[in-house]
Protein backbone atom coordinates (compact mmCIF):
# COMPACT_ATOMS: atom_id res chain seq x y z
CA MET A 1 0.00 0.00 0.00
CA ASP A 2 1.34 3.42 -0.99
CA PHE A 3 0.68 5.93 1.79
CA SER A 4 1.34 8.93 -0.44
CA LEU A 5 -1.85 10.74 -1.45
CA THR A 6 -2.77 11.69 -4.98
CA ASP A 7 -2.90 15.33 -6.01
CA GLU A 8 -6.70 15.18 -5.99
CA GLN A 9 -6.79 13.64 -2.52
CA LEU A 10 -4.47 16.36 -1.23
CA ARG A 11 -6.60 19.05 -2.86
CA LEU A 12 -9.82 17.72 -1.34
CA GLN A 13 -8.14 17.30 2.04
CA GLN A 14 -7.12 20.96 2.00
CA VAL A 15 -10.56 22.14 0.85
CA ALA A 16 -12.25 20.17 3.64
CA ARG A 17 -9.68 21.30 6.23
CA ARG A 18 -10.11 24.99 5.46
CA PHE A 19 -13.88 24.63 5.51
CA ALA A 20 -13.76 22.77 8.85
CA TYR A 21 -11.45 25.22 10.63
CA ASP A 22 -12.62 28.51 9.16
CA GLU A 23 -16.37 28.00 8.81
CA LEU A 24 -17.72 24.81 10.34
CA GLN A 25 -16.01 24.62 13.72
CA PRO A 26 -16.85 28.14 14.96
CA GLN A 27 -20.49 27.91 13.90
CA ALA A 28 -20.85 24.35 15.20
CA ARG A 29 -20.04 25.45 18.75
CA GLU A 30 -22.78 28.07 18.60
CA LEU A 31 -25.36 25.82 16.96
CA ASP A 32 -24.63 23.07 19.48
CA ARG A 33 -26.04 25.33 22.20
CA SER A 34 -29.46 25.60 20.53
CA THR A 35 -32.25 24.77 22.96
CA ASP A 36 -34.35 23.26 20.16
CA VAL A 37 -32.27 20.64 18.36
CA ARG A 38 -34.04 21.44 15.09
CA GLU A 39 -32.51 24.93 15.22
CA ALA A 40 -29.05 23.35 15.25
CA PHE A 41 -29.42 22.18 11.66
CA PRO A 42 -26.79 24.16 9.69
CA ARG A 43 -28.53 24.88 6.38
CA ASP A 44 -26.11 27.68 5.42
CA LEU A 45 -23.14 25.39 6.04
CA LEU A 46 -24.80 22.75 3.89
CA ARG A 47 -25.03 25.24 1.04
CA ARG A 48 -21.39 26.14 1.50
CA ALA A 49 -20.35 22.48 1.51
CA SER A 50 -22.28 22.03 -1.73
CA GLU A 51 -20.47 24.98 -3.31
CA LEU A 52 -17.18 23.29 -2.46
CA GLY A 53 -18.29 19.98 -4.01
CA LEU A 54 -18.34 18.21 -0.65
CA ARG A 55 -22.02 17.18 -0.68
CA THR A 56 -21.67 15.29 -3.98
CA LEU A 57 -18.18 13.94 -3.28
CA LYS A 58 -18.93 10.31 -4.14
CA VAL A 59 -21.20 10.75 -7.16
CA PRO A 60 -19.31 9.49 -10.24
CA THR A 61 -17.70 12.16 -12.40
CA GLU A 62 -19.88 11.32 -15.40
CA HIS A 63 -22.86 12.49 -13.36
CA GLY A 64 -21.23 15.69 -12.14
CA GLY A 65 -19.69 14.54 -8.84
CA LEU A 66 -16.08 13.98 -7.80
CA GLY A 67 -16.14 10.18 -7.98
CA ALA A 68 -14.33 9.66 -4.67
CA GLU A 69 -13.31 6.17 -3.62
CA ILE A 70 -13.68 5.03 -0.01
CA LEU A 71 -10.10 5.97 0.92
CA THR A 72 -10.68 9.50 -0.38
CA GLU A 73 -13.96 9.64 1.51
CA VAL A 74 -12.34 8.88 4.86
CA ILE A 75 -9.55 11.38 4.25
CA VAL A 76 -12.11 14.12 3.63
CA HIS A 77 -14.45 12.83 6.35
CA GLU A 78 -11.76 13.14 9.02
CA GLU A 79 -11.17 16.77 8.13
CA ILE A 80 -14.88 17.67 8.23
CA ALA A 81 -15.32 15.78 11.50
CA VAL A 82 -12.62 17.91 13.11
CA GLY A 83 -15.01 20.81 12.50
CA ASP A 84 -18.10 18.89 13.63
CA THR A 85 -18.75 15.17 13.57
CA GLY A 86 -22.52 15.54 13.38
CA PHE A 87 -22.28 17.59 10.22
CA ALA A 88 -19.81 15.05 8.80
CA MET A 89 -22.48 12.38 9.37
CA THR A 90 -25.04 14.50 7.52
CA LEU A 91 -22.76 14.71 4.48
CA GLY A 92 -21.80 11.04 4.73
CA HIS A 93 -25.38 10.05 3.99
CA CYS A 94 -25.34 12.17 0.84
CA TRP A 95 -22.20 10.37 -0.25
CA ARG A 96 -23.68 6.92 0.23
CA GLU A 97 -27.17 7.55 -1.08
CA GLY A 98 -25.96 9.85 -3.86
CA TRP A 99 -23.60 7.11 -5.03
CA MET A 100 -26.49 4.64 -4.86
CA LEU A 101 -28.72 6.88 -7.00
CA ALA A 102 -26.01 7.25 -9.62
CA THR A 103 -24.78 3.65 -9.65
CA PHE A 104 -27.41 1.12 -8.57
CA THR A 105 -30.71 2.51 -9.83
CA THR A 106 -32.38 1.98 -13.18
CA PRO A 107 -31.90 4.65 -15.88
CA GLU A 108 -35.49 5.80 -15.30
CA GLN A 109 -34.95 6.15 -11.54
CA ARG A 110 -31.66 7.94 -12.12
CA ASP A 111 -33.28 10.43 -14.48
CA ARG A 112 -36.05 11.14 -11.98
CA PHE A 113 -33.98 11.64 -8.84
CA LEU A 114 -30.33 12.36 -9.56
CA PRO A 115 -30.58 15.70 -11.44
CA GLU A 116 -32.43 17.39 -8.58
CA PHE A 117 -30.04 15.89 -6.04
CA MET A 118 -27.11 17.35 -7.97
CA SER A 119 -28.62 20.80 -8.62
CA ASP A 120 -30.20 21.60 -5.24
CA ASP A 121 -27.52 22.67 -2.75
CA THR A 122 -29.73 21.75 0.21
CA TYR A 123 -30.92 18.35 -1.08
CA LEU A 124 -30.30 15.74 1.61
CA THR A 125 -30.96 12.02 1.63
CA SER A 126 -31.67 9.52 4.38
CA PHE A 127 -31.50 5.77 4.88
CA ALA A 128 -34.29 4.25 6.99
CA ILE A 129 -33.84 0.74 8.34
CA THR A 130 -33.69 1.12 12.16
CA GLU A 131 -36.91 0.70 14.16
CA GLU A 132 -37.84 0.81 17.83
CA HIS A 133 -37.06 -2.89 18.29
CA ALA A 134 -34.82 -3.54 15.28
CA GLY A 135 -31.35 -2.02 15.22
CA SER A 136 -28.16 -3.97 15.87
CA ASP A 137 -29.71 -7.18 14.56
CA HIS A 138 -29.40 -5.68 11.07
CA GLY A 139 -25.65 -5.72 11.42
CA LEU A 140 -25.12 -9.17 12.87
CA PRO A 141 -27.70 -10.47 11.63
CA TYR A 142 -29.91 -12.92 13.52
CA ALA A 143 -30.50 -14.90 10.37
CA ASP A 144 -32.69 -17.65 11.87
CA ASP A 145 -34.89 -15.50 14.12
CA LEU A 146 -38.27 -14.78 12.54
CA GLU A 147 -38.93 -12.02 15.09
CA ALA A 148 -35.73 -10.07 14.36
CA GLY A 149 -35.39 -7.30 11.83
CA VAL A 150 -37.70 -4.66 10.41
CA ARG A 151 -41.47 -4.83 10.86
CA THR A 152 -42.35 -1.99 8.48
CA PHE A 153 -44.25 -3.70 5.65
CA ALA A 154 -44.76 -2.85 1.98
CA GLU A 155 -47.25 -4.45 -0.39
CA LEU A 156 -48.10 -3.82 -4.03
CA ARG A 157 -51.61 -2.47 -4.58
CA ASP A 158 -52.99 -1.15 -7.86
CA GLY A 159 -49.57 -0.39 -9.29
CA GLU A 160 -48.25 1.33 -6.14
CA TRP A 161 -46.23 0.20 -3.15
CA VAL A 162 -48.12 0.89 0.07
CA ILE A 163 -45.84 1.14 3.12
CA ASN A 164 -46.92 0.95 6.76
CA GLY A 165 -44.72 1.17 9.84
CA ARG A 166 -42.38 3.39 11.81
CA LYS A 167 -38.65 4.04 11.69
CA ARG A 168 -36.59 5.46 14.57
CA PHE A 169 -33.30 7.34 14.98
CA ILE A 170 -33.10 8.08 11.26
CA THR A 171 -30.26 10.41 10.30
CA ASN A 172 -31.44 13.40 8.24
CA GLY A 173 -34.99 12.05 8.58
CA ASN A 174 -36.62 15.43 9.18
CA VAL A 175 -34.53 17.38 6.66
CA ALA A 176 -34.18 14.90 3.79
CA ARG A 177 -35.90 15.23 0.42
CA LEU A 178 -35.56 11.52 -0.33
CA VAL A 179 -35.55 8.54 2.04
CA VAL A 180 -34.21 5.11 1.06
CA VAL A 181 -36.57 2.84 3.00
CA VAL A 182 -36.05 -0.81 3.91
CA ALA A 183 -39.32 -2.68 4.42
CA ARG A 184 -40.51 -6.28 4.57
CA THR A 185 -42.23 -7.53 1.48
CA ARG A 186 -42.53 -11.14 2.57
CA MET A 187 -43.49 -12.38 6.04
CA GLY A 188 -42.86 -15.80 7.54
CA VAL A 189 -39.16 -15.85 6.59
CA PRO A 190 -36.08 -14.38 8.29
CA TRP A 191 -35.98 -10.63 7.72
CA ASN A 192 -32.88 -10.72 5.52
CA GLN A 193 -34.69 -13.02 3.08
CA GLY A 194 -37.82 -10.93 2.81
CA ILE A 195 -36.94 -7.23 2.64
CA SER A 196 -36.94 -4.77 -0.25
CA VAL A 197 -35.64 -1.23 -0.76
CA PHE A 198 -37.73 1.73 -1.88
CA LEU A 199 -37.12 5.34 -2.90
CA VAL A 200 -39.60 7.44 -0.91
CA PRO A 201 -39.75 11.21 -1.55
CA THR A 202 -40.68 12.98 1.67
CA ASP A 203 -43.69 14.63 0.02
CA SER A 204 -45.23 11.20 -0.65
CA PRO A 205 -48.83 10.80 0.61
CA GLY A 206 -48.91 8.94 3.91
CA PHE A 207 -45.39 9.95 4.96
CA ARG A 208 -44.75 12.19 7.95
CA VAL A 209 -42.03 12.99 10.47
CA GLY A 210 -42.66 12.13 14.13
CA ARG A 211 -40.42 13.12 17.01
CA VAL A 212 -37.02 14.67 16.38
CA GLU A 213 -34.51 13.13 18.77
CA ASP A 214 -32.88 15.49 21.29
CA LYS A 215 -29.40 13.98 21.66
CA PHE A 216 -26.77 15.26 24.09
CA GLY A 217 -24.10 15.02 21.37
CA LEU A 218 -23.82 15.32 17.58
CA ARG A 219 -26.57 17.92 17.81
CA LEU A 220 -26.01 19.39 14.34
CA ASN A 221 -26.92 15.98 12.92
CA GLN A 222 -30.68 15.50 12.88
CA ASN A 223 -32.27 12.18 13.90
CA ALA A 224 -36.00 11.63 13.60
CA GLU A 225 -38.84 9.17 13.75
CA LEU A 226 -40.46 8.49 10.37
CA ILE A 227 -44.08 7.36 10.16
CA PHE A 228 -45.61 5.53 7.20
CA GLU A 229 -49.40 5.29 7.19
CA ASP A 230 -50.52 3.81 3.89
CA CYS A 231 -47.62 5.69 2.35
CA ARG A 232 -47.83 5.29 -1.42
CA VAL A 233 -44.99 5.36 -3.93
CA PRO A 234 -44.97 4.24 -7.59
CA ALA A 235 -44.15 0.63 -8.32
CA GLU A 236 -41.09 1.93 -10.20
CA ASN A 237 -39.58 3.17 -6.90
CA LEU A 238 -38.51 -0.35 -5.94
CA VAL A 239 -34.72 -0.59 -6.08
CA GLY A 240 -32.71 -3.76 -6.65
CA GLY A 241 -35.52 -6.32 -6.99
CA VAL A 242 -38.33 -7.52 -4.73
CA HIS A 243 -37.12 -9.47 -1.66
CA GLU A 244 -33.51 -8.62 -2.70
CA GLY A 245 -33.05 -5.85 -0.15
CA GLN A 246 -30.34 -7.50 1.94
CA ARG A 247 -28.04 -8.19 -1.00
CA PHE A 248 -28.65 -4.72 -2.36
CA ARG A 249 -28.19 -3.03 1.03
CA THR A 250 -24.88 -4.76 1.65
CA ARG A 251 -23.74 -3.93 -1.86
CA PHE A 252 -24.22 -0.16 -1.67
CA ASN A 253 -23.28 0.09 2.03
CA ARG A 254 -19.59 -0.53 1.40
CA GLY A 255 -17.34 1.73 3.46
CA SER A 256 -19.94 2.75 6.06
CA LYS A 257 -17.87 1.46 9.00
CA SER A 258 -14.82 3.26 7.63
CA ARG A 259 -16.77 6.51 7.60
CA GLU A 260 -17.78 5.90 11.23
CA ALA A 261 -14.13 5.44 12.17
CA ALA A 262 -13.19 8.62 10.32
CA ARG A 263 -15.77 10.61 12.27
CA CYS A 264 -14.35 9.31 15.55
CA LEU A 265 -10.85 10.13 14.35
CA GLY A 266 -12.00 13.70 13.69
CA ILE A 267 -13.25 14.04 17.28
CA ALA A 268 -9.95 12.74 18.65
CA ARG A 269 -7.96 15.12 16.50
CA ALA A 270 -10.09 18.09 17.50
CA ALA A 271 -9.59 17.17 21.16
CA TYR A 272 -5.85 16.79 20.73
CA GLU A 273 -5.50 20.07 18.85
CA ALA A 274 -7.52 21.99 21.45
CA ALA A 275 -5.57 20.48 24.36
CA SER A 276 -2.22 21.01 22.68
CA ALA A 277 -2.96 24.67 21.89
CA TYR A 278 -4.06 25.24 25.48
CA ALA A 279 -0.98 23.46 26.86
CA HIS A 280 1.30 25.70 24.82
CA GLN A 281 -0.25 28.92 26.12
CA ARG A 282 -1.16 27.96 29.72
CA VAL A 283 1.74 28.83 32.02
CA GLN A 284 2.26 27.18 35.38
CA GLY A 285 5.44 27.04 37.41
CA GLY A 286 6.99 29.65 35.15
CA ARG A 287 6.66 27.72 31.89
CA PRO A 288 3.98 26.42 29.49
CA ILE A 289 2.43 23.24 30.82
CA ILE A 290 3.36 21.40 27.61
CA GLU A 291 6.90 21.45 29.01
CA HIS A 292 5.74 19.58 32.10
CA GLN A 293 6.32 15.88 31.62
CA ALA A 294 2.95 14.94 33.10
CA ILE A 295 1.17 16.89 30.35
CA SER A 296 3.45 16.12 27.40
CA THR A 297 3.30 12.36 27.99
CA MET A 298 -0.51 12.45 28.18
CA LEU A 299 -0.67 14.25 24.83
CA ALA A 300 1.95 11.91 23.36
CA GLU A 301 -0.33 8.98 24.15
CA VAL A 302 -3.22 10.66 22.32
CA ALA A 303 -1.05 11.54 19.30
CA MET A 304 0.21 7.95 19.07
CA ASN A 305 -3.32 6.52 19.15
CA ILE A 306 -4.53 8.98 16.51
CA GLU A 307 -1.76 7.80 14.19
CA LEU A 308 -2.55 4.15 14.92
CA ALA A 309 -6.26 4.70 14.26
CA ARG A 310 -5.59 6.52 10.99
CA THR A 311 -3.21 3.82 9.76
CA LEU A 312 -5.74 1.06 10.49
CA LEU A 313 -8.53 3.12 8.95
CA TRP A 314 -6.64 3.84 5.74
CA ARG A 315 -5.81 0.15 5.38
CA ALA A 316 -9.47 -0.80 5.95
CA ALA A 317 -10.66 1.81 3.43
CA TRP A 318 -8.01 0.83 0.87
CA THR A 319 -9.11 -2.81 1.22
CA ALA A 320 -12.80 -1.88 0.98
CA ASP A 321 -12.10 -0.22 -2.36
CA ARG A 322 -10.72 -3.55 -3.63
CA ASP A 323 -12.23 -6.47 -1.74
CA HIS A 324 -15.33 -5.78 0.37
CA GLU A 325 -15.44 -9.15 2.09
CA ARG A 326 -11.82 -8.94 3.25
CA ALA A 327 -12.42 -5.39 4.43
CA ARG A 328 -15.32 -6.20 6.76
CA PRO A 329 -13.28 -7.30 9.82
CA LEU A 330 -10.76 -4.50 9.23
CA GLU A 331 -13.54 -1.92 9.15
CA ASP A 332 -15.02 -3.31 12.37
CA MET A 333 -11.59 -3.12 14.00
CA ALA A 334 -11.08 0.44 12.78
CA SER A 335 -14.47 1.67 14.01
CA LEU A 336 -14.12 -0.07 17.39
CA PHE A 337 -10.63 1.23 18.00
CA ALA A 338 -11.36 4.76 16.79
CA SER A 339 -14.58 5.16 18.80
CA GLN A 340 -12.93 4.06 22.03
CA MET A 341 -9.86 6.14 21.28
CA ALA A 342 -11.98 9.26 20.69
CA VAL A 343 -13.47 8.96 24.18
CA ARG A 344 -10.00 8.60 25.69
CA ALA A 345 -8.68 11.56 23.67
CA ALA A 346 -11.54 13.82 24.75
CA THR A 347 -11.12 12.73 28.37
CA THR A 348 -7.40 13.48 28.21
CA ALA A 349 -8.13 16.91 26.79
CA LEU A 350 -10.45 17.53 29.73
CA GLU A 351 -7.63 16.62 32.12
CA VAL A 352 -5.23 18.97 30.35
CA TYR A 353 -7.72 21.84 30.58
CA GLY A 354 -8.48 21.05 34.19
CA ALA A 355 -11.55 22.75 35.65
CA ARG A 356 -11.73 25.07 32.63
CA GLY A 357 -12.53 22.09 30.42
CA SER A 358 -15.98 21.69 31.95
CA LEU A 359 -17.02 25.22 31.03
CA ARG A 360 -19.46 25.60 28.16
CA ASP A 361 -17.28 28.21 26.41
CA ASN A 362 -14.42 25.73 26.02
CA PRO A 363 -14.43 23.16 23.17
CA VAL A 364 -13.74 20.09 25.30
CA GLU A 365 -17.21 19.83 26.86
CA LYS A 366 -18.80 19.46 23.41
CA LEU A 367 -16.17 16.93 22.30
CA ILE A 368 -16.80 14.79 25.38
CA ARG A 369 -20.49 14.60 24.46
CA ASP A 370 -19.82 13.99 20.77
CA ALA A 371 -17.31 11.21 21.48
CA HIS A 372 -19.69 9.30 23.75
CA THR A 373 -22.54 9.68 21.25
CA MET A 374 -20.40 7.85 18.67
CA LEU A 375 -20.21 4.68 20.77
CA PRO A 376 -23.70 3.27 20.00
CA PRO A 377 -24.60 4.00 16.33
CA PRO A 378 -25.45 2.47 14.04
CA ILE A 379 -24.79 -1.12 15.06
CA GLY A 380 -23.17 -0.51 18.46
CA ASN A 381 -19.73 -1.51 19.68
CA THR A 382 -20.93 -4.58 21.56
CA ALA A 383 -22.66 -5.94 18.46
CA ALA A 384 -19.63 -5.06 16.34
CA ARG A 385 -17.43 -7.12 18.68
CA VAL A 386 -19.82 -10.04 18.30
CA ARG A 387 -19.64 -9.76 14.52
CA LEU A 388 -15.85 -9.53 14.60
CA GLY A 389 -15.72 -12.50 16.98
CA ARG A 390 -17.80 -14.56 14.57
CA TRP A 391 -15.34 -13.74 11.80
CA LEU A 392 -12.37 -14.70 13.98
CA ALA A 393 -14.04 -18.00 14.85
CA GLN A 394 -13.93 -18.90 11.16
CA HIS A 395 -10.27 -17.99 10.65
CA THR A 396 -7.34 -19.47 12.53
CA SER A 397 -4.67 -17.02 11.36
CA PRO A 398 -4.45 -13.22 11.16
CA ALA A 399 -2.91 -13.79 7.73
CA ALA A 400 -6.49 -13.97 6.47
CA LEU A 401 -6.53 -10.18 6.78
CA VAL A 402 -3.53 -9.75 4.50
CA PRO A 403 -4.49 -9.00 0.87
CA SER A 404 -3.50 -11.84 -1.43
CA GLY A 405 -4.18 -10.04 -4.68
CA ALA A 406 -6.04 -7.06 -6.07
CA VAL A 407 -9.50 -7.40 -7.58
CA PRO A 408 -10.30 -5.02 -10.44
CA ALA A 409 -12.63 -2.19 -9.40
CA ASP A 410 -15.12 -2.87 -12.21
CA GLU A 411 -15.34 -6.49 -11.13
CA ILE A 412 -16.01 -5.47 -7.51
CA ALA A 413 -18.84 -3.18 -8.61
CA ALA A 414 -20.51 -6.08 -10.40
CA ARG A 415 -20.38 -8.45 -7.42
CA SER A 416 -22.75 -9.15 -4.58
CA PRO A 417 -21.18 -9.74 -1.14
CA ASP A 418 -21.14 -13.49 -1.77
CA GLY A 419 -19.29 -13.07 -5.08
CA GLU A 420 -22.27 -13.60 -7.34
CA ALA A 421 -22.50 -11.35 -10.40
CA LEU A 422 -25.29 -8.81 -10.25
CA PRO A 423 -26.78 -6.92 -13.18
CA LYS A 424 -26.65 -3.13 -13.11
CA GLY A 425 -29.97 -1.41 -12.40
């Protein structure tokens, strides 16, 4: 693996870094204090990110985007997350769902949805699978449990799909123009054998937003309950084939765990940078506290773990661009390590600041909340450990994680997770 970045990766890294430091970070601290979480949504920053090409980062170049691969995504994602991890999550959904619209839909679906997504600077997307009693089981999954998985149901009536059910904790749910909805289309079988995926515009009849979640962290990122009461969408809004939702979902969800790790890495870096700047200017005992061994060794530990997390993340993302199956355990490792490391980094920053760190006008208090909010979603660290443990139980040597040969990118795009060829559209 070559750790040198391409000219385009360096350019995008600098664009995202300037945006994060100069525009996003200062406004994020103010918006985070909003009493009503809905007022924390940064619409002006979304427009600015669109102007810079950041909202459509992953859309292929032939459709007007920047065509970023997963490694490029995580490089940019880290920079944006330094400014605010919640806003990075908002953009990350546009990357995934925008790429899906451009790559995995039919030509008719692409013509209907993609042009408006590309032209409207405030167009956001959402992915709705989680429900009140169905969350982490989507990432394990409980393949033989008929009670696990989504309960939202869709059936075809008079040329339309009619959807009934509720979704919970849906990112961008109350600000999205288009929701990619996972619903059961066949009962009496395990959920992963009987789900389908639908494109649901948020002005569809029978669709409405319920409660907007009031989280203690990641407040710029909106999470909402979505309610479907005889919600009707055209039959042509089915994506990837009826009952084929699990294969399709896994196919377009490549790199999601890497993006999670990048967001955690951004929190850790923001905490380190804030603590380091404070340690250089805070004088005690006649010299800056960075010159006190107790402080410098604490920050050295954080810096070391940031580098370790980034190295593991880049390897996971690089592998995900080439061999999704081999990347899965690496991505789980990267997200687990980075999320735990972010909490430790923020806690260390609090110690460096001392009592000042708990004050609302210092950055550390927000970073503590953001870091802890990254521990559960979307599958949860405990469930991720279970999934990683299952993988390890099937492999007796860590050499299984070492790439044995590159797979052409066009061949990867045409594969399902089990290696079976899938037709485009």
